[in-house]
Amino acid sequence: MSRPVWPGQPFPLGPSWDGEGTNFSLFSENAESVELCLFDGAGNEERIQLQERAAFNWHCYLPGVGPGQRYGYRVHGPYEPSTGARFNPSKLLIDPYAKAIEGPVRWDRANTLPYVPSLEEDADLTIDDSDSAAAVPKSIVVESPRGSTRCGARTAACRGRASSSRRSPSRAGACRCRARMRSVSRCSHR
């Protein structure tokens, strides 16, 4: 499936739903690349390569992605235990900035460690290439608090929509400002 991917913004970290799409942002100073992994109800995975990086935050904006979307990250980089680097893109990561996650770790479904477990002293030196997605709880995009807007504006139009939106309560309070998602220098509401 090919979907539109916009640059988005590096802040705030985590998922930020604005009523029409979601901005995703993840900090990693040493990652070489990052994949956002979206999961459907059947557990099928769609990977989106994040192209934007600012202030060590990898980010994108996905129009049409909203509350209830299950996701995680795969982070690429060096696997050098002697230096403390244990990047392993075979391992799905929970978003440390997620506002919700689903369920427990299912230890019996896959190895969640980045290395092959053993009783040996240097067990962490052998990278494990098995996929951990079946065992790892997924992060979940949640609805922003009522009345908040992605750009931070509280214009009369936004407040009016928040108080008078009867046909779609999930869109109440959503601001249509896309300035921050499109990397435009200034929002028209400021």
Protein backbone atom coordinates (compact mmCIF):
# COMPACT_ATOMS: atom_id res chain seq x y z
CA MET A 1 0.00 0.00 0.00
CA SER A 2 1.37 3.38 -0.97
CA ARG A 3 0.28 6.24 1.23
CA PRO A 4 1.23 9.91 1.30
CA VAL A 5 4.03 10.69 3.73
CA TRP A 6 4.63 14.34 4.62
CA PRO A 7 7.74 15.70 6.39
CA GLY A 8 5.99 16.44 9.69
CA GLN A 9 7.70 18.07 12.64
CA PRO A 10 10.37 16.94 15.12
CA PHE A 11 8.34 18.17 18.10
CA PRO A 12 6.45 17.13 20.11
CA LEU A 13 7.93 13.68 20.47
CA GLY A 14 5.56 10.75 20.06
CA PRO A 15 2.36 10.62 18.05
CA SER A 16 0.26 13.79 17.70
CA TRP A 17 -3.13 13.43 16.04
CA ASP A 18 -4.66 16.67 14.71
CA GLY A 19 -8.04 15.43 13.52
CA GLU A 20 -6.93 14.63 9.98
CA GLY A 21 -3.64 12.78 10.40
CA THR A 22 -0.83 12.01 12.82
CA ASN A 23 2.66 13.41 13.27
CA PHE A 24 5.16 10.81 14.51
CA SER A 25 8.50 11.78 16.08
CA LEU A 26 11.17 9.59 17.70
CA PHE A 27 14.51 10.64 19.22
CA SER A 28 17.65 8.69 18.33
CA GLU A 29 21.04 10.33 18.26
CA ASN A 30 22.89 7.33 16.81
CA ALA A 31 20.36 5.67 14.50
CA GLU A 32 21.33 5.35 10.84
CA SER A 33 17.69 5.01 9.76
CA VAL A 34 14.24 4.52 11.31
CA GLU A 35 11.15 2.69 10.08
CA LEU A 36 7.67 3.46 11.39
CA CYS A 37 5.70 0.22 11.41
CA LEU A 38 1.89 0.40 11.17
CA PHE A 39 -0.19 -2.65 12.07
CA ASP A 40 -3.74 -3.44 10.97
CA GLY A 41 -6.27 -5.47 12.97
CA ALA A 42 -4.93 -8.76 11.57
CA GLY A 43 -1.36 -7.89 12.60
CA ASN A 44 -0.13 -7.16 9.07
CA GLU A 45 2.79 -4.73 9.10
CA GLU A 46 3.34 -1.74 6.80
CA ARG A 47 6.79 -0.15 7.04
CA ILE A 48 7.39 3.53 6.33
CA GLN A 49 10.97 4.74 6.04
CA LEU A 50 11.36 8.04 7.92
CA GLN A 51 13.27 10.49 5.74
CA GLU A 52 13.22 13.58 7.95
CA ARG A 53 15.58 14.16 10.88
CA ALA A 54 16.01 17.33 12.92
CA ALA A 55 17.53 17.73 16.39
CA PHE A 56 18.12 13.93 16.37
CA ASN A 57 14.35 13.44 16.04
CA TRP A 58 13.17 11.23 13.16
CA HIS A 59 9.71 12.34 12.05
CA CYS A 60 6.87 12.23 9.51
CA TYR A 61 3.21 13.15 9.18
CA LEU A 62 0.69 10.63 7.84
CA PRO A 63 -2.62 12.05 6.59
CA GLY A 64 -5.56 9.78 7.38
CA VAL A 65 -3.87 7.98 10.28
CA GLY A 66 -5.66 8.57 13.56
CA PRO A 67 -6.74 7.24 16.95
CA GLY A 68 -6.61 3.49 17.31
CA GLN A 69 -3.71 3.04 14.88
CA ARG A 70 -1.29 0.44 16.24
CA TYR A 71 2.41 1.05 15.53
CA GLY A 72 6.02 0.55 16.57
CA TYR A 73 9.50 1.35 15.29
CA ARG A 74 12.44 -0.53 13.82
CA VAL A 75 15.70 1.34 14.30
CA HIS A 76 18.77 0.63 12.17
CA GLY A 77 22.32 1.26 13.28
CA PRO A 78 25.49 -0.49 14.43
CA TYR A 79 25.43 -3.65 16.52
CA GLU A 80 28.57 -3.18 18.59
CA PRO A 81 27.99 -4.39 22.17
CA SER A 82 31.51 -3.37 23.21
CA THR A 83 30.55 0.28 22.61
CA GLY A 84 27.01 -0.08 23.98
CA ALA A 85 25.37 0.03 20.54
CA ARG A 86 22.79 -2.72 20.10
CA PHE A 87 20.68 -1.58 17.16
CA ASN A 88 18.66 -4.43 15.69
CA PRO A 89 15.93 -3.68 13.12
CA SER A 90 14.58 -7.23 13.53
CA LYS A 91 13.26 -6.12 16.90
CA LEU A 92 10.09 -4.03 17.03
CA LEU A 93 10.35 -1.21 19.56
CA ILE A 94 7.58 0.36 21.60
CA ASP A 95 7.45 4.14 21.17
CA PRO A 96 8.89 5.54 24.44
CA TYR A 97 6.68 8.62 23.90
CA ALA A 98 3.45 6.68 23.23
CA LYS A 99 0.40 7.73 25.20
CA ALA A 100 -0.99 4.16 25.15
CA ILE A 101 0.18 0.62 24.44
CA GLU A 102 -1.79 -2.59 24.08
CA GLY A 103 -1.34 -5.72 26.17
CA PRO A 104 1.66 -7.39 27.75
CA VAL A 105 4.88 -8.68 26.25
CA ARG A 106 4.14 -12.19 24.96
CA TRP A 107 7.43 -13.82 25.87
CA ASP A 108 6.45 -17.21 24.40
CA ARG A 109 5.89 -15.83 20.85
CA ALA A 110 9.36 -14.50 19.99
CA ASN A 111 12.72 -13.45 21.38
CA THR A 112 12.52 -9.75 22.25
CA LEU A 113 16.21 -9.44 23.08
CA PRO A 114 18.49 -8.00 20.37
CA TYR A 115 20.87 -10.95 20.86
CA VAL A 116 20.62 -14.74 20.96
CA PRO A 117 19.98 -15.62 24.61
CA SER A 118 22.31 -18.12 26.24
CA LEU A 119 23.97 -18.75 29.57
CA GLU A 120 27.35 -17.73 28.18
CA GLU A 121 29.02 -14.62 29.63
CA ASP A 122 29.28 -13.00 26.19
CA ALA A 123 25.78 -13.97 24.97
CA ASP A 124 24.99 -10.42 23.87
CA LEU A 125 27.75 -10.51 21.24
CA THR A 126 25.65 -12.59 18.80
CA ILE A 127 22.88 -10.59 17.12
CA ASP A 128 19.46 -12.28 16.84
CA ASP A 129 17.81 -11.72 13.45
CA SER A 130 14.42 -13.19 14.37
CA ASP A 131 11.43 -10.82 14.18
CA SER A 132 9.96 -9.86 17.55
CA ALA A 133 6.72 -8.20 16.35
CA ALA A 134 4.51 -11.09 17.52
CA ALA A 135 5.73 -10.68 21.10
CA VAL A 136 5.93 -6.89 21.45
CA PRO A 137 2.89 -4.80 22.49
CA LYS A 138 2.01 -2.15 19.94
CA SER A 139 1.93 1.56 20.68
CA ILE A 140 -1.43 3.19 19.95
CA VAL A 141 -2.29 6.63 18.57
CA VAL A 142 -4.82 8.30 20.87
CA GLU A 143 -7.15 11.24 20.42
CA SER A 144 -5.79 14.59 21.57
CA PRO A 145 -7.59 16.26 24.48
CA ARG A 146 -10.80 18.05 23.44
CA GLY A 147 -10.19 21.61 22.31
CA SER A 148 -6.48 21.20 21.63
CA THR A 149 -5.05 21.88 18.20
CA ARG A 150 -1.93 20.60 16.48
CA CYS A 151 -0.53 24.05 15.82
CA GLY A 152 -1.36 25.26 19.32
CA ALA A 153 -3.76 27.91 17.99
CA ARG A 154 -7.03 28.56 19.73
CA THR A 155 -8.79 30.63 17.13
CA ALA A 156 -12.51 31.34 17.17
CA ALA A 157 -12.93 28.97 14.23
CA CYS A 158 -11.22 26.14 16.11
CA ARG A 159 -13.11 26.84 19.35
CA GLY A 160 -16.36 27.09 17.45
CA ARG A 161 -15.79 23.71 15.82
CA ALA A 162 -14.95 22.21 19.20
CA SER A 163 -18.21 23.40 20.75
CA SER A 164 -20.55 22.91 17.81
CA SER A 165 -19.34 19.76 16.08
CA ARG A 166 -22.23 17.30 16.38
CA ARG A 167 -21.70 15.11 13.36
CA SER A 168 -18.15 14.00 14.21
CA PRO A 169 -17.13 14.25 17.87
CA SER A 170 -13.75 12.69 17.06
CA ARG A 171 -12.91 15.76 14.96
CA ALA A 172 -14.02 18.25 17.60
CA GLY A 173 -11.27 20.72 18.36
CA ALA A 174 -9.27 19.78 15.29
CA CYS A 175 -7.47 22.67 13.68
CA ARG A 176 -6.99 22.57 9.94
CA CYS A 177 -3.64 24.35 10.16
CA ARG A 178 -0.98 22.31 8.40
CA ALA A 179 1.85 24.83 8.72
CA ARG A 180 3.83 22.71 11.17
CA MET A 181 3.27 19.47 9.28
CA ARG A 182 4.42 20.91 5.96
CA SER A 183 7.52 22.59 7.39
CA VAL A 184 6.12 26.04 6.56
CA SER A 185 7.93 28.60 8.64
CA ARG A 186 4.87 30.17 10.23
CA CYS A 187 1.33 29.14 11.08
CA SER A 188 -1.33 31.56 9.85
CA HIS A 189 -2.95 31.52 13.30
CA ARG A 190 -0.02 33.25 15.00
